[in-house]
N, C-alpha and C. Protein backbone atom coordinates (compact mmCIF):
# COMPACT_ATOMS: atom_id res chain seq x y z
N UNK A 1 3.21 -19.29 5.33
CA UNK A 1 2.56 -18.30 6.69
C UNK A 1 1.37 -16.92 5.75
N UNK A 2 0.24 -17.21 6.16
CA UNK A 2 -0.83 -16.10 5.48
C UNK A 2 -0.73 -14.58 6.16
N UNK A 3 -1.38 -14.39 4.66
CA UNK A 3 -1.40 -12.96 5.15
C UNK A 3 -2.34 -12.32 6.54
N UNK A 4 -2.20 -11.10 7.20
CA UNK A 4 -3.03 -10.82 7.93
C UNK A 4 -3.94 -9.63 7.65
N UNK A 5 -5.03 -9.90 7.86
CA UNK A 5 -5.97 -8.56 7.30
C UNK A 5 -5.68 -7.58 8.05
N UNK A 6 -5.73 -6.34 8.18
CA UNK A 6 -5.61 -5.54 9.78
C UNK A 6 -6.26 -4.20 9.21
N UNK A 7 -6.91 -4.11 8.14
CA UNK A 7 -8.27 -2.79 7.92
C UNK A 7 -8.87 -3.53 6.72
N UNK A 8 -9.87 -3.34 7.12
CA UNK A 8 -11.53 -3.69 5.92
C UNK A 8 -12.68 -2.29 5.41
N UNK A 9 -12.55 -1.81 4.15
CA UNK A 9 -13.92 -1.62 4.06
C UNK A 9 -13.90 -1.23 2.64
N UNK A 10 -15.21 -0.36 2.31
CA UNK A 10 -15.40 0.14 1.26
C UNK A 10 -14.05 0.58 0.33
N UNK A 11 -13.29 1.42 0.96
CA UNK A 11 -12.73 2.46 0.20
C UNK A 11 -11.28 1.68 0.22
N UNK A 12 -11.31 0.85 1.13
CA UNK A 12 -9.83 0.25 0.78
C UNK A 12 -9.19 -0.97 1.95
N UNK A 13 -8.37 -1.53 1.52
CA UNK A 13 -7.64 -2.82 2.24
C UNK A 13 -5.76 -2.17 2.88
N UNK A 14 -6.12 -3.23 3.95
CA UNK A 14 -4.55 -3.53 4.72
C UNK A 14 -4.57 -4.21 5.14
N UNK A 15 -2.92 -4.97 5.23
CA UNK A 15 -2.95 -6.28 5.48
C UNK A 15 -1.33 -6.41 5.55
N UNK A 16 -0.92 -7.20 6.39
CA UNK A 16 1.02 -7.57 6.86
C UNK A 16 0.79 -8.58 6.54
N UNK A 17 2.03 -9.24 5.61
CA UNK A 17 2.35 -10.09 5.22
C UNK A 17 4.29 -10.21 5.51
N UNK A 18 4.82 -10.96 5.75
CA UNK A 18 6.47 -11.28 6.01
C UNK A 18 6.54 -9.50 6.71
N UNK A 19 7.54 -9.06 6.01
CA UNK A 19 7.33 -7.57 6.59
C UNK A 19 7.03 -6.79 5.42
N UNK A 20 5.98 -6.78 4.94
CA UNK A 20 5.43 -5.62 4.20
C UNK A 20 3.91 -5.23 4.29
N UNK A 21 3.87 -4.24 4.45
CA UNK A 21 2.75 -3.58 4.60
C UNK A 21 1.97 -3.21 3.44
N UNK A 22 0.66 -4.08 3.12
CA UNK A 22 -0.15 -4.23 1.83
C UNK A 22 -0.93 -3.25 2.26
N UNK A 23 -1.18 -2.12 1.35
CA UNK A 23 -2.36 -1.60 1.45
C UNK A 23 -2.97 -1.40 -0.10
N UNK A 24 -4.68 -1.58 -0.69
CA UNK A 24 -5.16 -1.64 -1.72
C UNK A 24 -6.31 -0.28 -1.83
N UNK A 25 -5.90 0.46 -2.09
CA UNK A 25 -6.99 1.37 -2.23
C UNK A 25 -7.92 1.05 -3.65
N UNK A 26 -9.23 0.85 -3.24
CA UNK A 26 -9.90 0.96 -4.73
C UNK A 26 -11.33 2.22 -4.68
N UNK A 27 -11.57 2.99 -3.75
CA UNK A 27 -12.43 4.24 -4.01
C UNK A 27 -11.92 5.10 -3.35
N UNK A 28 -12.27 6.03 -2.27
CA UNK A 28 -12.25 6.79 -1.61
C UNK A 28 -10.63 6.80 -1.09
N UNK A 29 -10.33 8.07 -0.60
CA UNK A 29 -9.01 7.96 0.59
C UNK A 29 -9.18 8.62 1.72
N UNK A 30 -10.32 8.20 2.84
CA UNK A 30 -10.77 9.21 3.83
C UNK A 30 -9.69 8.94 5.10
N UNK A 31 -9.58 10.38 5.29
CA UNK A 31 -8.51 11.13 6.44
C UNK A 31 -9.00 10.18 7.41
N UNK A 32 -9.80 9.19 7.95
CA UNK A 32 -9.63 8.33 8.83
C UNK A 32 -8.80 7.52 8.57
N UNK A 33 -9.25 6.68 6.97
CA UNK A 33 -8.06 5.46 6.58
C UNK A 33 -6.68 5.66 6.78
N UNK A 34 -6.27 6.86 6.74
CA UNK A 34 -4.98 7.14 6.70
C UNK A 34 -4.60 7.19 8.31
N UNK A 35 -5.62 7.54 9.36
CA UNK A 35 -5.14 7.35 10.41
C UNK A 35 -5.04 6.06 10.75
N UNK A 36 -5.78 5.41 10.58
CA UNK A 36 -6.10 3.38 10.76
C UNK A 36 -4.85 2.89 10.19
N UNK A 37 -4.44 3.24 8.91
CA UNK A 37 -3.31 2.68 8.56
C UNK A 37 -1.90 3.48 9.40
N UNK A 38 -1.97 4.52 9.45
CA UNK A 38 -0.70 5.20 10.20
C UNK A 38 -0.69 4.40 11.78
N UNK A 39 -1.45 3.46 12.38
CA UNK A 39 -1.98 3.03 14.02
C UNK A 39 -1.08 1.51 13.53
N UNK A 40 -1.44 1.13 12.20
CA UNK A 40 -1.51 -0.61 11.50
C UNK A 40 0.12 -0.17 11.25
N UNK A 41 0.64 0.40 10.42
CA UNK A 41 2.02 0.64 10.47
C UNK A 41 3.27 0.55 11.49
N UNK A 42 2.39 0.95 12.77
CA UNK A 42 3.36 1.45 13.67
C UNK A 42 3.52 0.39 14.41
N UNK A 43 2.43 -0.32 14.61
CA UNK A 43 2.28 -1.97 15.45
C UNK A 43 2.99 -2.62 14.93
N UNK A 44 2.77 -2.70 13.20
CA UNK A 44 3.87 -3.61 12.70
C UNK A 44 4.77 -3.36 12.65
N UNK A 45 5.72 -1.87 12.44
CA UNK A 45 7.10 -1.41 12.46
C UNK A 45 7.16 -2.76 14.09
N UNK A 46 7.01 -1.97 15.01
CA UNK A 46 6.77 -2.20 16.63
C UNK A 46 6.85 -4.25 17.09
N UNK A 47 6.26 -5.22 15.97
CA UNK A 47 6.39 -6.23 16.16
C UNK A 47 8.07 -6.97 15.37
N UNK A 48 8.41 -6.25 14.01
CA UNK A 48 9.24 -6.59 13.16
C UNK A 48 10.39 -6.47 13.32
N UNK A 49 11.28 -7.43 14.00
CA UNK A 49 12.83 -6.84 14.05
C UNK A 49 13.32 -6.11 13.33
N UNK A 50 13.12 -6.21 12.16
CA UNK A 50 14.04 -5.11 11.39
C UNK A 50 13.23 -4.28 10.56
N UNK A 51 13.71 -4.01 9.57
CA UNK A 51 12.73 -2.71 8.72
C UNK A 51 11.77 -3.42 7.73
N UNK A 52 10.34 -3.04 7.62
CA UNK A 52 9.31 -3.11 6.89
C UNK A 52 9.88 -2.40 5.32
N UNK A 53 8.88 -2.94 4.42
CA UNK A 53 8.59 -2.29 3.46
C UNK A 53 7.10 -1.94 3.21
N UNK A 54 6.84 -0.95 2.53
CA UNK A 54 5.51 -1.00 1.93
C UNK A 54 4.88 -0.88 0.17
N UNK A 55 3.90 -1.36 0.41
CA UNK A 55 3.10 -1.44 -1.35
C UNK A 55 1.83 -1.32 -1.05
N UNK A 56 1.43 -0.19 -2.15
CA UNK A 56 0.01 0.48 -1.78
C UNK A 56 -0.14 0.27 -3.32
N UNK A 57 -1.22 -0.74 -3.56
CA UNK A 57 -1.85 -0.91 -5.09
C UNK A 57 -2.95 -0.26 -5.06
N UNK A 58 -2.91 0.56 -6.13
CA UNK A 58 -3.92 1.50 -6.30
C UNK A 58 -4.54 1.17 -7.80
N UNK A 59 -5.73 0.70 -7.01
CA UNK A 59 -7.00 0.24 -8.76
C UNK A 59 -7.25 1.29 -8.94
N UNK A 60 -7.83 0.95 -10.82
CA UNK A 60 -8.51 1.84 -11.45
C UNK A 60 -9.57 2.74 -11.26
N UNK A 61 -10.54 2.12 -9.96
CA UNK A 61 -11.44 2.39 -9.35
C UNK A 61 -11.68 3.65 -7.98
N UNK A 62 -9.97 3.77 -7.55
CA UNK A 62 -9.63 4.69 -6.67
C UNK A 62 -9.79 5.86 -7.51
N UNK A 63 -10.18 7.39 -6.15
CA UNK A 63 -10.49 8.67 -6.45
C UNK A 63 -9.17 9.05 -5.90
N UNK A 64 -8.48 10.26 -6.33
CA UNK A 64 -7.54 10.89 -5.75
C UNK A 64 -7.87 11.20 -4.68
N UNK A 65 -7.25 11.33 -3.22
CA UNK A 65 -7.56 11.82 -2.20
C UNK A 65 -7.45 13.67 -2.08
N UNK A 66 -8.22 13.89 -1.22
CA UNK A 66 -8.30 15.23 -1.01
C UNK A 66 -6.94 15.73 -0.34
N UNK A 67 -6.93 17.47 -0.17
CA UNK A 67 -5.82 17.76 0.72
C UNK A 67 -5.79 17.54 1.86
N UNK A 68 -6.85 17.30 2.47
CA UNK A 68 -6.72 16.88 3.56
C UNK A 68 -6.08 15.38 3.89
N UNK A 69 -6.60 14.64 3.30
CA UNK A 69 -5.37 12.72 3.18
C UNK A 69 -4.63 13.09 2.71
N UNK A 70 -4.29 13.99 1.70
CA UNK A 70 -3.05 14.07 0.62
C UNK A 70 -2.22 14.35 2.19
N UNK A 71 -2.61 15.30 2.58
CA UNK A 71 -1.52 15.97 3.93
C UNK A 71 -1.29 14.71 4.70
N UNK A 72 -2.60 14.25 5.11
CA UNK A 72 -2.20 13.03 6.28
C UNK A 72 -1.66 12.12 5.66
N UNK A 73 -1.11 11.81 4.17
CA UNK A 73 -0.40 10.78 3.83
C UNK A 73 0.88 11.21 3.73
N UNK A 74 0.86 12.28 2.97
CA UNK A 74 2.53 12.42 2.90
C UNK A 74 3.17 12.70 4.81
N UNK A 75 2.31 12.88 5.80
CA UNK A 75 3.05 12.71 6.90
C UNK A 75 3.45 11.36 7.00
N UNK A 76 2.16 10.32 6.69
CA UNK A 76 2.80 9.46 6.93
C UNK A 76 4.03 8.63 6.24
N UNK A 77 3.84 9.21 5.10
CA UNK A 77 4.94 8.36 4.21
C UNK A 77 6.56 9.13 4.99
N UNK A 78 6.12 10.63 5.47
CA UNK A 78 7.19 11.13 5.89
C UNK A 78 7.95 10.92 7.07
N UNK A 79 6.98 10.15 8.35
CA UNK A 79 7.43 9.44 8.79
C UNK A 79 8.14 7.86 8.80
N UNK A 80 7.11 7.25 8.44
CA UNK A 80 7.47 5.90 7.58
C UNK A 80 8.77 5.77 7.22
N UNK A 81 9.44 6.63 6.21
CA UNK A 81 10.32 6.65 4.91
C UNK A 81 11.55 6.21 5.91
N UNK A 82 12.03 6.92 7.03
CA UNK A 82 13.22 6.29 7.82
C UNK A 82 13.12 5.01 8.25
N UNK A 83 12.01 4.44 8.28
CA UNK A 83 12.24 3.19 8.85
C UNK A 83 12.00 1.95 7.62
N UNK A 84 11.72 2.14 6.75
CA UNK A 84 11.51 1.30 5.22
C UNK A 84 12.31 1.07 4.41
N UNK A 85 12.46 -0.11 4.06
CA UNK A 85 13.40 -0.77 2.79
C UNK A 85 12.66 -0.01 1.59
N UNK A 86 12.02 0.01 1.18
CA UNK A 86 11.04 0.48 0.13
C UNK A 86 9.92 0.63 0.18
N UNK A 87 9.34 0.96 -0.75
CA UNK A 87 7.85 2.17 -1.09
C UNK A 87 7.65 1.81 -2.27
N UNK A 88 6.70 0.77 -2.54
CA UNK A 88 6.31 0.62 -3.95
C UNK A 88 4.93 1.01 -4.01
N UNK A 89 4.26 1.57 -5.18
CA UNK A 89 3.18 2.25 -5.61
C UNK A 89 2.63 1.61 -7.09
N UNK A 90 1.67 0.79 -7.18
CA UNK A 90 1.16 0.60 -8.33
C UNK A 90 -0.17 1.13 -8.82
N UNK A 91 0.09 1.62 -9.15
CA UNK A 91 -1.02 2.50 -10.75
C UNK A 91 -1.73 0.98 -11.37
N UNK A 92 -2.44 0.78 -10.82
CA UNK A 92 -3.28 -0.11 -12.02
C UNK A 92 -4.30 1.38 -12.84
N UNK A 93 -4.62 -0.03 -14.32
CA UNK A 93 -5.53 1.02 -14.86
C UNK A 93 -5.03 1.83 -16.05
N UNK A 94 -3.64 1.55 -16.64
CA UNK A 94 -3.23 2.11 -17.81
C UNK A 94 -2.49 3.22 -17.74
N UNK A 95 -1.84 3.49 -18.74
CA UNK A 95 -0.73 4.64 -18.89
C UNK A 95 -1.33 6.07 -18.29
N UNK A 96 -2.65 6.59 -18.85
CA UNK A 96 -2.89 7.61 -18.44
C UNK A 96 -3.31 7.82 -16.66
N UNK A 97 -3.84 6.35 -16.09
CA UNK A 97 -4.08 6.72 -14.50
C UNK A 97 -2.78 6.10 -14.40
N UNK A 98 -1.88 5.85 -15.00
CA UNK A 98 -0.24 5.15 -14.15
C UNK A 98 0.28 7.11 -13.73
N UNK A 99 0.27 7.34 -14.92
CA UNK A 99 0.31 9.04 -14.57
C UNK A 99 0.25 9.92 -13.74
N UNK A 100 -1.29 9.82 -13.24
CA UNK A 100 -1.73 10.65 -12.81
C UNK A 100 -1.58 9.77 -11.34
N UNK A 101 -1.45 9.00 -10.66
CA UNK A 101 -1.19 8.35 -9.65
C UNK A 101 0.34 8.91 -9.56
N UNK A 102 1.38 8.63 -10.35
CA UNK A 102 2.64 9.11 -10.37
C UNK A 102 2.52 10.87 -9.98
N UNK A 103 1.08 11.72 -10.12
CA UNK A 103 1.28 12.67 -10.06
C UNK A 103 1.15 12.97 -8.73
N UNK A 104 0.51 12.55 -8.14
CA UNK A 104 -0.66 12.15 -6.60
C UNK A 104 0.57 12.28 -6.07
N UNK A 105 1.62 11.07 -5.66
CA UNK A 105 2.67 10.69 -5.26
C UNK A 105 3.63 11.52 -5.08
N UNK A 106 4.28 12.18 -6.52
CA UNK A 106 4.78 13.33 -6.17
C UNK A 106 4.56 15.04 -5.80
N UNK A 107 3.33 15.15 -5.71
CA UNK A 107 2.51 15.87 -5.21
C UNK A 107 2.79 15.79 -3.00
N UNK A 108 2.39 14.27 -2.67
CA UNK A 108 2.89 14.08 -1.38
C UNK A 108 4.44 14.29 -1.17
N UNK A 109 5.47 13.56 -2.13
CA UNK A 109 6.63 13.97 -1.81
C UNK A 109 7.06 15.68 -1.81
N UNK A 110 6.27 16.64 -2.47
CA UNK A 110 6.60 18.20 -2.67
C UNK A 110 5.83 18.26 -1.10
N UNK A 111 4.87 17.91 -0.61
CA UNK A 111 4.45 18.30 0.72
C UNK A 111 5.05 17.79 2.22
N UNK A 112 6.26 16.80 2.05
CA UNK A 112 6.89 16.51 2.94
C UNK A 112 8.25 17.07 2.76
N UNK A 113 8.88 17.87 3.63
CA UNK A 113 10.58 18.00 3.89
C UNK A 113 11.70 17.74 3.25
N UNK A 114 11.67 16.35 2.87
CA UNK A 114 12.41 15.61 2.20
C UNK A 114 12.03 14.63 0.89
N UNK A 115 12.41 14.50 -0.33
CA UNK A 115 12.07 13.36 -0.84
C UNK A 115 11.27 12.12 -0.54
N UNK A 116 9.94 11.41 -1.33
CA UNK A 116 10.14 10.35 0.05
C UNK A 116 10.41 9.16 -1.08
N UNK A 117 10.63 7.70 -0.93
CA UNK A 117 11.15 6.75 -1.58
C UNK A 117 10.27 5.87 -2.16
N UNK A 118 9.43 6.55 -3.07
CA UNK A 118 8.39 6.08 -3.80
C UNK A 118 8.75 5.53 -5.00
N UNK A 119 8.88 3.97 -5.52
CA UNK A 119 8.83 3.71 -6.77
C UNK A 119 7.67 3.22 -7.49
N UNK A 120 6.89 3.90 -8.47
CA UNK A 120 5.65 3.37 -8.82
C UNK A 120 6.26 2.55 -9.85
N UNK A 121 5.18 1.51 -10.14
CA UNK A 121 5.28 0.32 -11.09
C UNK A 121 3.49 0.14 -11.93
N UNK A 122 3.16 -0.27 -13.17
CA UNK A 122 2.27 -0.32 -13.33
C UNK A 122 1.23 -1.89 -13.57
N UNK A 123 2.35 -2.62 -12.55
CA UNK A 123 1.77 -4.28 -12.15
C UNK A 123 2.15 -4.12 -10.95
N UNK A 124 1.27 -5.30 -10.23
CA UNK A 124 2.01 -5.91 -8.89
C UNK A 124 3.03 -7.14 -9.23
N UNK A 125 2.96 -7.58 -9.95
CA UNK A 125 4.46 -8.71 -10.35
C UNK A 125 5.94 -7.81 -10.30
N UNK A 126 5.42 -6.88 -11.20
CA UNK A 126 6.91 -5.34 -11.13
C UNK A 126 7.31 -5.28 -9.43
N UNK A 127 6.06 -4.78 -8.71
CA UNK A 127 6.47 -4.51 -7.98
C UNK A 127 6.81 -5.57 -6.54
N UNK A 128 5.99 -6.77 -6.60
CA UNK A 128 6.47 -7.47 -6.21
C UNK A 128 8.22 -8.23 -6.10
N UNK A 129 8.56 -8.09 -7.95
CA UNK A 129 10.40 -8.38 -8.48
C UNK A 129 10.96 -7.28 -6.86
N UNK A 130 10.38 -6.50 -7.04
CA UNK A 130 11.21 -4.68 -6.93
C UNK A 130 11.45 -5.44 -5.09
N UNK A 131 10.34 -5.90 -4.62
CA UNK A 131 10.24 -6.08 -2.95
C UNK A 131 11.05 -7.91 -2.71
N UNK A 132 11.19 -8.51 -3.56
CA UNK A 132 11.43 -9.64 -3.45
C UNK A 132 13.24 -9.58 -2.59
N UNK A 133 14.18 -8.75 -2.73
CA UNK A 133 15.10 -8.68 -1.62
C UNK A 133 14.52 -8.80 -0.50
N UNK A 134 13.32 -8.18 0.20
CA UNK A 134 13.37 -7.56 1.48
C UNK A 134 12.86 -8.66 1.99
N UNK A 135 12.11 -10.05 1.56
CA UNK A 135 11.60 -10.96 2.16
C UNK A 135 12.66 -11.77 2.93
N UNK A 136 11.98 -12.00 4.12
CA UNK A 136 12.75 -13.06 4.75
C UNK A 136 11.76 -14.66 4.78
N UNK A 137 10.76 -14.85 3.97
CA UNK A 137 10.29 -16.03 3.59
C UNK A 137 10.77 -16.79 2.19
N UNK A 138 10.72 -17.76 2.39
CA UNK A 138 11.28 -18.21 0.76
C UNK A 138 10.37 -18.59 0.02
N UNK A 139 10.48 -18.77 -1.17
CA UNK A 139 9.25 -18.46 -2.70
C UNK A 139 9.25 -16.83 -3.06
N UNK A 140 9.77 -15.87 -2.42
CA UNK A 140 10.23 -14.44 -2.50
C UNK A 140 9.20 -14.05 -3.35
N UNK A 141 9.32 -13.69 -4.43
CA UNK A 141 8.32 -13.08 -5.26
C UNK A 141 7.07 -13.14 -5.59
N UNK A 142 7.02 -15.20 -5.76
CA UNK A 142 5.92 -15.88 -6.48
C UNK A 142 5.17 -15.88 -5.13
N UNK A 143 5.71 -15.84 -3.66
CA UNK A 143 4.73 -16.33 -2.28
C UNK A 143 4.23 -14.78 -2.34
N UNK A 144 5.39 -13.65 -2.39
CA UNK A 144 4.20 -12.29 -2.09
C UNK A 144 3.49 -12.74 -3.07
N UNK A 145 3.38 -12.34 -4.63
CA UNK A 145 2.72 -12.62 -5.50
C UNK A 145 0.98 -13.62 -5.25
N UNK A 146 1.14 -14.94 -4.64
CA UNK A 146 -0.11 -15.59 -4.34
C UNK A 146 -0.61 -15.07 -2.49
N UNK A 147 -0.23 -13.91 -2.05
CA UNK A 147 -0.28 -13.80 -0.62
C UNK A 147 -1.51 -12.68 -1.56
N UNK A 148 -0.54 -11.65 -2.32
CA UNK A 148 -1.30 -10.54 -2.49
C UNK A 148 -2.94 -11.23 -3.60
N UNK A 149 -2.99 -11.83 -4.09
CA UNK A 149 -3.71 -12.97 -4.70
C UNK A 149 -4.86 -13.14 -4.10
N UNK A 150 -4.35 -13.94 -2.66
CA UNK A 150 -5.12 -13.75 -1.85
C UNK A 150 -6.16 -13.13 -1.13
N UNK A 151 -5.38 -12.03 -0.80
CA UNK A 151 -5.99 -11.16 -0.13
C UNK A 151 -6.70 -10.35 -1.21
N UNK A 152 -6.46 -10.25 -2.36
CA UNK A 152 -7.68 -9.28 -3.40
C UNK A 152 -8.98 -10.14 -2.76
N UNK A 153 -8.82 -11.69 -3.54
CA UNK A 153 -10.24 -12.57 -3.70
C UNK A 153 -10.82 -12.17 -2.01
N UNK A 154 -9.99 -12.14 -1.00
CA UNK A 154 -10.81 -12.12 0.17
C UNK A 154 -11.25 -10.78 0.66
N UNK A 155 -11.18 -9.48 -0.14
CA UNK A 155 -11.36 -8.24 -0.07
C UNK A 155 -12.65 -8.35 -1.32
N UNK A 156 -12.66 -8.74 -2.86
CA UNK A 156 -13.58 -9.07 -3.20
C UNK A 156 -14.79 -9.95 -3.04
N UNK A 157 -14.89 -10.74 -1.96
CA UNK A 157 -15.73 -11.93 -1.13
C UNK A 157 -16.49 -10.81 -0.38
N UNK A 158 -15.44 -10.03 0.35
CA UNK A 158 -15.68 -9.04 1.87
C UNK A 158 -16.72 -7.83 1.19
N UNK A 159 -16.17 -7.61 0.17
CA UNK A 159 -17.08 -6.48 -0.88
C UNK A 159 -18.51 -7.14 -0.94
N UNK A 160 -18.44 -8.20 -1.91
CA UNK A 160 -19.63 -9.25 -2.39
C UNK A 160 -21.11 -8.55 -1.29
N UNK A 161 -20.31 -9.65 0.09
CA UNK A 161 -21.55 -10.04 1.15
C UNK A 161 -21.53 -8.69 2.12
N UNK A 162 -21.03 -7.35 1.84
CA UNK A 162 -21.66 -6.29 2.20
C UNK A 162 -22.57 -5.47 1.65
N UNK A 163 -22.40 -6.05 0.31
CA UNK A 163 -24.00 -5.25 -0.80
C UNK A 163 -24.73 -5.74 -0.27
N UNK A 164 -24.98 -7.08 0.30
CA UNK A 164 -26.26 -7.86 0.06
C UNK A 164 -27.22 -6.85 1.42
């Protein structure tokens, strides 16, 4: 089973695979993208008989969301949190970058009425290991790693084509 790309633009890419909502944030976090993410997540949850997981990959080139996008993300995760098994955030780009991304996550939690269930990791490999127990397909985290690699390749190809 291959991932399904749900949204793709210069700033982010959203896909679904198995019971995982995969987000790749590459540049800005426009509030419109968060609204679209919310629609995608609700459609995905309606189609899945069991709870889903969320995997957000924050690439080293991603800028922090502005206050409007932070509020929208907080609302999104607050409403999503009762319906998910795990919410993993991968902060790519090294130690300082990871601390910065974690700070944004703490801010999102602060805006929410209850703590959000984020787990922060430094690599996609760590994230897939945490998500493996929630996957329904054979192959576990290796299969998820392969799907993410394929999605990232598709996203990079899309970005090259769109710059022409």
